[in-house]
Amino acid sequence: MRSLWRRSFPALFAFPFFLFAGCDSVVGSEDRVEVRVRNASTIDFASVVIGFPDQTEAYGAVAARTATDYRTVERAFRYAGVQVTLDGTSLALIPIDYVGEEELDGGSYTYELNVTDDLGSLTFRLVRD
């Protein structure tokens, strides 16, 4: 009996490791940052490009009052570089840097974009979904 216990004892400690080894992917998914774009204006956007610190995402055309699908990004902040093309006009918001900003926590976010009716300015608002 003693030799059986001596051989089984290490396996008792290894079992919990193997039991929970597959849980990383579930826990890790909560750390993902997903961002979509919502066109809050009454004008269709021909294209929207968002510049994140480590990548650029081309969201494509976004109709008025609609939102895109979410995209997983490496890092994001409460604002980003944005270029919107509409009616032959290009509007942009270009951050100088992210000094003093904290990265967004894992979760889903919407970058809500709006333009004035005269196409004079572009506004940006972060919404946590």
N, C-alpha and C. Protein backbone atom coordinates (compact mmCIF):
# COMPACT_ATOMS: atom_id res chain seq x y z
N MET A 1 0.82 -1.19 0.00
CA MET A 1 0.00 0.00 0.00
C MET A 1 0.86 1.25 0.00
N ARG A 2 1.95 1.22 0.73
CA ARG A 2 2.81 2.38 0.82
C ARG A 2 3.42 2.73 -0.53
N SER A 3 3.84 1.76 -1.32
CA SER A 3 4.44 2.05 -2.62
C SER A 3 3.41 2.61 -3.59
N LEU A 4 2.17 2.20 -3.50
CA LEU A 4 1.11 2.75 -4.34
C LEU A 4 0.89 4.23 -4.02
N TRP A 5 0.86 4.55 -2.74
CA TRP A 5 0.70 5.94 -2.32
C TRP A 5 1.87 6.80 -2.81
N ARG A 6 3.08 6.29 -2.72
CA ARG A 6 4.27 7.03 -3.14
C ARG A 6 4.22 7.31 -4.64
N ARG A 7 3.71 6.37 -5.45
CA ARG A 7 3.60 6.59 -6.89
C ARG A 7 2.43 7.49 -7.25
N SER A 8 1.35 7.46 -6.48
CA SER A 8 0.15 8.24 -6.78
C SER A 8 0.22 9.67 -6.27
N PHE A 9 1.00 9.91 -5.23
CA PHE A 9 1.04 11.21 -4.59
C PHE A 9 1.41 12.34 -5.58
N PRO A 10 2.47 12.21 -6.39
CA PRO A 10 2.78 13.29 -7.34
C PRO A 10 1.66 13.52 -8.35
N ALA A 11 0.95 12.50 -8.72
CA ALA A 11 -0.13 12.64 -9.70
C ALA A 11 -1.27 13.48 -9.13
N LEU A 12 -1.47 13.44 -7.83
CA LEU A 12 -2.53 14.25 -7.21
C LEU A 12 -2.27 15.74 -7.38
N PHE A 13 -1.00 16.13 -7.38
CA PHE A 13 -0.67 17.54 -7.56
C PHE A 13 -0.70 17.94 -9.03
N ALA A 14 -0.41 17.03 -9.92
CA ALA A 14 -0.42 17.32 -11.35
C ALA A 14 -1.85 17.41 -11.88
N PHE A 15 -2.79 16.68 -11.30
CA PHE A 15 -4.16 16.66 -11.81
C PHE A 15 -4.79 18.06 -11.88
N PRO A 16 -4.73 18.89 -10.82
CA PRO A 16 -5.33 20.23 -10.92
C PRO A 16 -4.70 21.06 -12.02
N PHE A 17 -3.41 20.91 -12.26
CA PHE A 17 -2.76 21.66 -13.33
C PHE A 17 -3.38 21.32 -14.68
N PHE A 18 -3.54 20.05 -14.96
CA PHE A 18 -4.12 19.64 -16.23
C PHE A 18 -5.60 19.98 -16.32
N LEU A 19 -6.29 19.96 -15.19
CA LEU A 19 -7.70 20.28 -15.17
C LEU A 19 -7.94 21.73 -15.57
N PHE A 20 -7.09 22.64 -15.10
CA PHE A 20 -7.29 24.06 -15.37
C PHE A 20 -6.41 24.62 -16.48
N ALA A 21 -5.58 23.81 -17.07
CA ALA A 21 -4.67 24.30 -18.11
C ALA A 21 -5.42 24.87 -19.30
N GLY A 22 -6.57 24.33 -19.63
CA GLY A 22 -7.33 24.81 -20.78
C GLY A 22 -8.15 26.07 -20.50
N CYS A 23 -8.13 26.57 -19.28
CA CYS A 23 -8.94 27.73 -18.93
C CYS A 23 -8.32 29.05 -19.36
N ASP A 24 -7.07 29.07 -19.72
CA ASP A 24 -6.41 30.32 -20.12
C ASP A 24 -7.14 31.02 -21.24
N SER A 25 -7.60 30.29 -22.24
CA SER A 25 -8.24 30.93 -23.38
C SER A 25 -9.55 31.61 -22.96
N VAL A 26 -10.25 31.07 -22.00
CA VAL A 26 -11.49 31.69 -21.55
C VAL A 26 -11.18 32.95 -20.75
N VAL A 27 -10.23 32.86 -19.83
CA VAL A 27 -9.86 34.01 -19.03
C VAL A 27 -9.23 35.08 -19.91
N GLY A 28 -8.37 34.70 -20.84
CA GLY A 28 -7.69 35.65 -21.71
C GLY A 28 -8.62 36.43 -22.60
N SER A 29 -9.78 35.89 -22.95
CA SER A 29 -10.71 36.58 -23.84
C SER A 29 -11.27 37.83 -23.19
N GLU A 30 -11.31 37.88 -21.85
CA GLU A 30 -11.79 39.07 -21.16
C GLU A 30 -10.81 40.22 -21.28
N ASP A 31 -9.57 39.93 -21.62
CA ASP A 31 -8.54 40.96 -21.74
C ASP A 31 -8.52 41.61 -23.12
N ARG A 32 -9.25 41.07 -24.06
CA ARG A 32 -9.25 41.62 -25.42
C ARG A 32 -9.95 42.97 -25.45
N VAL A 33 -9.41 43.85 -26.27
CA VAL A 33 -10.05 45.14 -26.50
C VAL A 33 -10.66 45.07 -27.89
N GLU A 34 -11.97 45.28 -27.96
CA GLU A 34 -12.68 45.26 -29.23
C GLU A 34 -13.28 46.63 -29.48
N VAL A 35 -13.05 47.15 -30.68
CA VAL A 35 -13.51 48.50 -31.01
C VAL A 35 -14.31 48.46 -32.30
N ARG A 36 -15.43 49.14 -32.29
CA ARG A 36 -16.21 49.33 -33.50
C ARG A 36 -16.39 50.84 -33.72
N VAL A 37 -16.88 51.21 -34.89
CA VAL A 37 -17.12 52.60 -35.23
C VAL A 37 -18.61 52.79 -35.46
N ARG A 38 -19.15 53.86 -34.89
CA ARG A 38 -20.56 54.20 -35.12
C ARG A 38 -20.60 55.57 -35.78
N ASN A 39 -21.34 55.64 -36.88
CA ASN A 39 -21.56 56.90 -37.58
C ASN A 39 -22.80 57.53 -36.96
N ALA A 40 -22.59 58.54 -36.12
CA ALA A 40 -23.71 59.20 -35.44
C ALA A 40 -24.31 60.33 -36.27
N SER A 41 -23.77 60.55 -37.46
CA SER A 41 -24.25 61.66 -38.28
C SER A 41 -25.38 61.21 -39.21
N THR A 42 -25.88 62.16 -39.97
CA THR A 42 -26.93 61.87 -40.96
C THR A 42 -26.34 61.73 -42.36
N ILE A 43 -25.02 61.69 -42.44
CA ILE A 43 -24.31 61.62 -43.72
C ILE A 43 -23.54 60.30 -43.78
N ASP A 44 -23.62 59.58 -44.90
CA ASP A 44 -22.86 58.33 -45.06
C ASP A 44 -21.37 58.62 -45.15
N PHE A 45 -20.57 57.78 -44.48
CA PHE A 45 -19.11 57.88 -44.58
C PHE A 45 -18.66 56.92 -45.68
N ALA A 46 -17.89 57.41 -46.63
CA ALA A 46 -17.36 56.55 -47.70
C ALA A 46 -16.29 55.62 -47.15
N SER A 47 -15.51 56.11 -46.19
CA SER A 47 -14.50 55.25 -45.54
C SER A 47 -14.12 55.83 -44.19
N VAL A 48 -13.76 54.91 -43.29
CA VAL A 48 -13.27 55.29 -41.97
C VAL A 48 -12.02 54.46 -41.69
N VAL A 49 -10.95 55.15 -41.31
CA VAL A 49 -9.70 54.49 -40.93
C VAL A 49 -9.33 54.98 -39.54
N ILE A 50 -9.05 54.02 -38.65
CA ILE A 50 -8.67 54.35 -37.28
C ILE A 50 -7.22 53.92 -37.08
N GLY A 51 -6.40 54.85 -36.59
CA GLY A 51 -5.00 54.56 -36.29
C GLY A 51 -4.82 54.34 -34.81
N PHE A 52 -4.57 53.10 -34.43
CA PHE A 52 -4.27 52.74 -33.06
C PHE A 52 -2.75 52.79 -32.88
N PRO A 53 -2.24 52.76 -31.66
CA PRO A 53 -0.79 52.85 -31.47
C PRO A 53 0.01 51.76 -32.19
N ASP A 54 -0.54 50.54 -32.26
CA ASP A 54 0.21 49.42 -32.84
C ASP A 54 -0.35 48.91 -34.16
N GLN A 55 -1.43 49.49 -34.63
CA GLN A 55 -2.03 48.99 -35.87
C GLN A 55 -2.99 50.02 -36.43
N THR A 56 -3.34 49.83 -37.68
CA THR A 56 -4.32 50.67 -38.36
C THR A 56 -5.44 49.76 -38.84
N GLU A 57 -6.67 50.18 -38.60
CA GLU A 57 -7.83 49.40 -39.03
C GLU A 57 -8.66 50.22 -40.00
N ALA A 58 -8.87 49.67 -41.19
CA ALA A 58 -9.75 50.30 -42.18
C ALA A 58 -11.14 49.69 -42.01
N TYR A 59 -12.06 50.44 -41.48
CA TYR A 59 -13.42 49.95 -41.22
C TYR A 59 -14.30 50.03 -42.47
N GLY A 60 -13.84 50.75 -43.50
CA GLY A 60 -14.60 50.84 -44.73
C GLY A 60 -15.73 51.84 -44.65
N ALA A 61 -16.72 51.67 -45.52
CA ALA A 61 -17.88 52.57 -45.56
C ALA A 61 -18.78 52.30 -44.36
N VAL A 62 -19.30 53.40 -43.79
CA VAL A 62 -20.20 53.29 -42.65
C VAL A 62 -21.40 54.20 -42.93
N ALA A 63 -22.55 53.61 -43.15
CA ALA A 63 -23.76 54.38 -43.45
C ALA A 63 -24.16 55.22 -42.24
N ALA A 64 -24.92 56.27 -42.51
CA ALA A 64 -25.41 57.14 -41.45
C ALA A 64 -26.20 56.34 -40.41
N ARG A 65 -25.96 56.65 -39.15
CA ARG A 65 -26.68 56.05 -38.01
C ARG A 65 -26.50 54.54 -37.88
N THR A 66 -25.38 54.02 -38.39
CA THR A 66 -25.10 52.59 -38.25
C THR A 66 -23.73 52.39 -37.60
N ALA A 67 -23.44 51.15 -37.22
CA ALA A 67 -22.16 50.81 -36.60
C ALA A 67 -21.54 49.63 -37.33
N THR A 68 -20.23 49.55 -37.26
CA THR A 68 -19.49 48.45 -37.87
C THR A 68 -19.45 47.26 -36.91
N ASP A 69 -18.87 46.18 -37.37
CA ASP A 69 -18.58 45.05 -36.48
C ASP A 69 -17.38 45.43 -35.62
N TYR A 70 -17.23 44.72 -34.51
CA TYR A 70 -16.09 44.94 -33.63
C TYR A 70 -14.83 44.37 -34.27
N ARG A 71 -13.71 45.02 -33.98
CA ARG A 71 -12.39 44.53 -34.38
C ARG A 71 -11.53 44.44 -33.12
N THR A 72 -10.79 43.35 -32.99
CA THR A 72 -9.87 43.20 -31.87
C THR A 72 -8.60 43.98 -32.17
N VAL A 73 -8.18 44.80 -31.20
CA VAL A 73 -6.98 45.61 -31.37
C VAL A 73 -6.00 45.30 -30.25
N GLU A 74 -4.73 45.50 -30.53
CA GLU A 74 -3.68 45.24 -29.55
C GLU A 74 -3.78 46.20 -28.37
N ARG A 75 -3.83 47.50 -28.68
CA ARG A 75 -3.91 48.53 -27.65
C ARG A 75 -4.80 49.65 -28.16
N ALA A 76 -5.58 50.23 -27.25
CA ALA A 76 -6.42 51.36 -27.63
C ALA A 76 -6.53 52.31 -26.44
N PHE A 77 -6.83 53.56 -26.75
CA PHE A 77 -7.01 54.59 -25.74
C PHE A 77 -8.38 55.22 -25.94
N ARG A 78 -8.72 56.19 -25.11
CA ARG A 78 -10.05 56.80 -25.20
C ARG A 78 -10.20 57.66 -26.45
N TYR A 79 -9.12 57.89 -27.16
CA TYR A 79 -9.18 58.56 -28.45
C TYR A 79 -8.15 57.92 -29.37
N ALA A 80 -8.27 58.19 -30.65
CA ALA A 80 -7.37 57.59 -31.63
C ALA A 80 -7.27 58.51 -32.83
N GLY A 81 -6.35 58.18 -33.71
CA GLY A 81 -6.27 58.89 -34.97
C GLY A 81 -7.41 58.42 -35.87
N VAL A 82 -8.13 59.37 -36.45
CA VAL A 82 -9.30 59.02 -37.26
C VAL A 82 -9.24 59.78 -38.58
N GLN A 83 -9.55 59.07 -39.67
CA GLN A 83 -9.70 59.72 -40.96
C GLN A 83 -11.02 59.24 -41.56
N VAL A 84 -11.88 60.20 -41.87
CA VAL A 84 -13.18 59.92 -42.45
C VAL A 84 -13.26 60.60 -43.81
N THR A 85 -13.69 59.84 -44.80
CA THR A 85 -13.91 60.40 -46.13
C THR A 85 -15.40 60.36 -46.42
N LEU A 86 -15.95 61.51 -46.87
CA LEU A 86 -17.36 61.59 -47.20
C LEU A 86 -17.59 62.73 -48.18
N ASP A 87 -18.46 62.51 -49.13
CA ASP A 87 -18.80 63.54 -50.12
C ASP A 87 -17.58 64.23 -50.71
N GLY A 88 -16.53 63.46 -50.99
CA GLY A 88 -15.32 64.03 -51.58
C GLY A 88 -14.47 64.83 -50.62
N THR A 89 -14.83 64.83 -49.35
CA THR A 89 -14.09 65.57 -48.33
C THR A 89 -13.44 64.59 -47.37
N SER A 90 -12.26 64.93 -46.90
CA SER A 90 -11.57 64.11 -45.92
C SER A 90 -11.41 64.91 -44.64
N LEU A 91 -11.87 64.35 -43.54
CA LEU A 91 -11.73 64.98 -42.22
C LEU A 91 -10.89 64.07 -41.34
N ALA A 92 -10.06 64.66 -40.49
CA ALA A 92 -9.18 63.85 -39.65
C ALA A 92 -9.05 64.43 -38.26
N LEU A 93 -8.86 63.54 -37.32
CA LEU A 93 -8.46 63.87 -35.96
C LEU A 93 -7.15 63.15 -35.72
N ILE A 94 -6.11 63.91 -35.39
CA ILE A 94 -4.79 63.31 -35.26
C ILE A 94 -4.24 63.61 -33.87
N PRO A 95 -4.14 62.58 -33.01
CA PRO A 95 -3.56 62.82 -31.68
C PRO A 95 -2.05 63.04 -31.79
N ILE A 96 -1.56 63.90 -30.96
CA ILE A 96 -0.12 64.15 -30.95
C ILE A 96 0.60 63.00 -30.26
N ASP A 97 0.08 62.59 -29.12
CA ASP A 97 0.65 61.46 -28.39
C ASP A 97 -0.39 60.97 -27.38
N TYR A 98 0.00 59.94 -26.63
CA TYR A 98 -0.89 59.38 -25.61
C TYR A 98 -0.30 59.56 -24.22
N VAL A 99 0.54 60.57 -24.03
CA VAL A 99 1.18 60.83 -22.75
C VAL A 99 0.10 61.10 -21.70
N GLY A 100 0.21 60.41 -20.58
CA GLY A 100 -0.74 60.57 -19.49
C GLY A 100 -2.02 59.77 -19.65
N GLU A 101 -2.21 59.15 -20.80
CA GLU A 101 -3.41 58.34 -21.04
C GLU A 101 -3.17 56.91 -20.58
N GLU A 102 -4.23 56.26 -20.13
CA GLU A 102 -4.17 54.85 -19.78
C GLU A 102 -4.84 54.03 -20.87
N GLU A 103 -4.27 52.86 -21.14
CA GLU A 103 -4.87 51.98 -22.14
C GLU A 103 -6.25 51.54 -21.67
N LEU A 104 -7.12 51.30 -22.64
CA LEU A 104 -8.45 50.80 -22.31
C LEU A 104 -8.34 49.40 -21.75
N ASP A 105 -9.16 49.10 -20.76
CA ASP A 105 -9.23 47.75 -20.22
C ASP A 105 -9.91 46.85 -21.24
N GLY A 106 -9.75 45.55 -21.07
CA GLY A 106 -10.42 44.61 -21.95
C GLY A 106 -11.92 44.85 -21.96
N GLY A 107 -12.53 44.70 -23.12
CA GLY A 107 -13.96 44.91 -23.25
C GLY A 107 -14.31 45.42 -24.63
N SER A 108 -15.56 45.78 -24.81
CA SER A 108 -16.05 46.27 -26.10
C SER A 108 -16.32 47.77 -26.00
N TYR A 109 -15.88 48.48 -27.04
CA TYR A 109 -16.00 49.93 -27.07
C TYR A 109 -16.51 50.37 -28.45
N THR A 110 -17.15 51.54 -28.46
CA THR A 110 -17.57 52.15 -29.71
C THR A 110 -16.94 53.52 -29.80
N TYR A 111 -16.28 53.78 -30.93
CA TYR A 111 -15.81 55.12 -31.24
C TYR A 111 -16.93 55.76 -32.06
N GLU A 112 -17.63 56.69 -31.44
CA GLU A 112 -18.77 57.33 -32.09
C GLU A 112 -18.30 58.60 -32.80
N LEU A 113 -18.51 58.63 -34.10
CA LEU A 113 -18.06 59.76 -34.92
C LEU A 113 -19.25 60.54 -35.43
N ASN A 114 -19.10 61.85 -35.49
CA ASN A 114 -20.16 62.71 -35.98
C ASN A 114 -19.53 63.85 -36.77
N VAL A 115 -20.23 64.34 -37.76
CA VAL A 115 -19.78 65.50 -38.52
C VAL A 115 -20.88 66.54 -38.53
N THR A 116 -20.46 67.80 -38.61
CA THR A 116 -21.46 68.85 -38.72
C THR A 116 -22.06 68.81 -40.12
N ASP A 117 -23.26 69.34 -40.28
CA ASP A 117 -23.95 69.29 -41.58
C ASP A 117 -23.17 70.00 -42.69
N ASP A 118 -22.37 70.99 -42.32
CA ASP A 118 -21.58 71.70 -43.35
C ASP A 118 -20.23 71.02 -43.61
N LEU A 119 -20.03 69.82 -43.00
CA LEU A 119 -18.80 69.04 -43.13
C LEU A 119 -17.57 69.79 -42.64
N GLY A 120 -17.80 70.74 -41.72
CA GLY A 120 -16.69 71.55 -41.23
C GLY A 120 -15.89 70.92 -40.11
N SER A 121 -16.51 70.01 -39.35
CA SER A 121 -15.75 69.42 -38.26
C SER A 121 -16.21 68.00 -37.95
N LEU A 122 -15.30 67.26 -37.38
CA LEU A 122 -15.50 65.87 -37.00
C LEU A 122 -15.40 65.78 -35.49
N THR A 123 -16.35 65.12 -34.85
CA THR A 123 -16.27 64.92 -33.41
C THR A 123 -16.13 63.44 -33.10
N PHE A 124 -15.61 63.18 -31.91
CA PHE A 124 -15.25 61.82 -31.51
C PHE A 124 -15.70 61.63 -30.07
N ARG A 125 -16.35 60.49 -29.80
CA ARG A 125 -16.78 60.17 -28.44
C ARG A 125 -16.59 58.68 -28.19
N LEU A 126 -16.03 58.34 -27.04
CA LEU A 126 -15.84 56.94 -26.66
C LEU A 126 -17.05 56.48 -25.86
N VAL A 127 -17.58 55.29 -26.21
CA VAL A 127 -18.68 54.68 -25.47
C VAL A 127 -18.25 53.27 -25.10
N ARG A 128 -18.35 52.94 -23.81
CA ARG A 128 -18.06 51.57 -23.38
C ARG A 128 -19.35 50.77 -23.49
N ASP A 129 -19.30 49.71 -24.27
CA ASP A 129 -20.50 48.90 -24.51
C ASP A 129 -20.68 47.82 -23.46
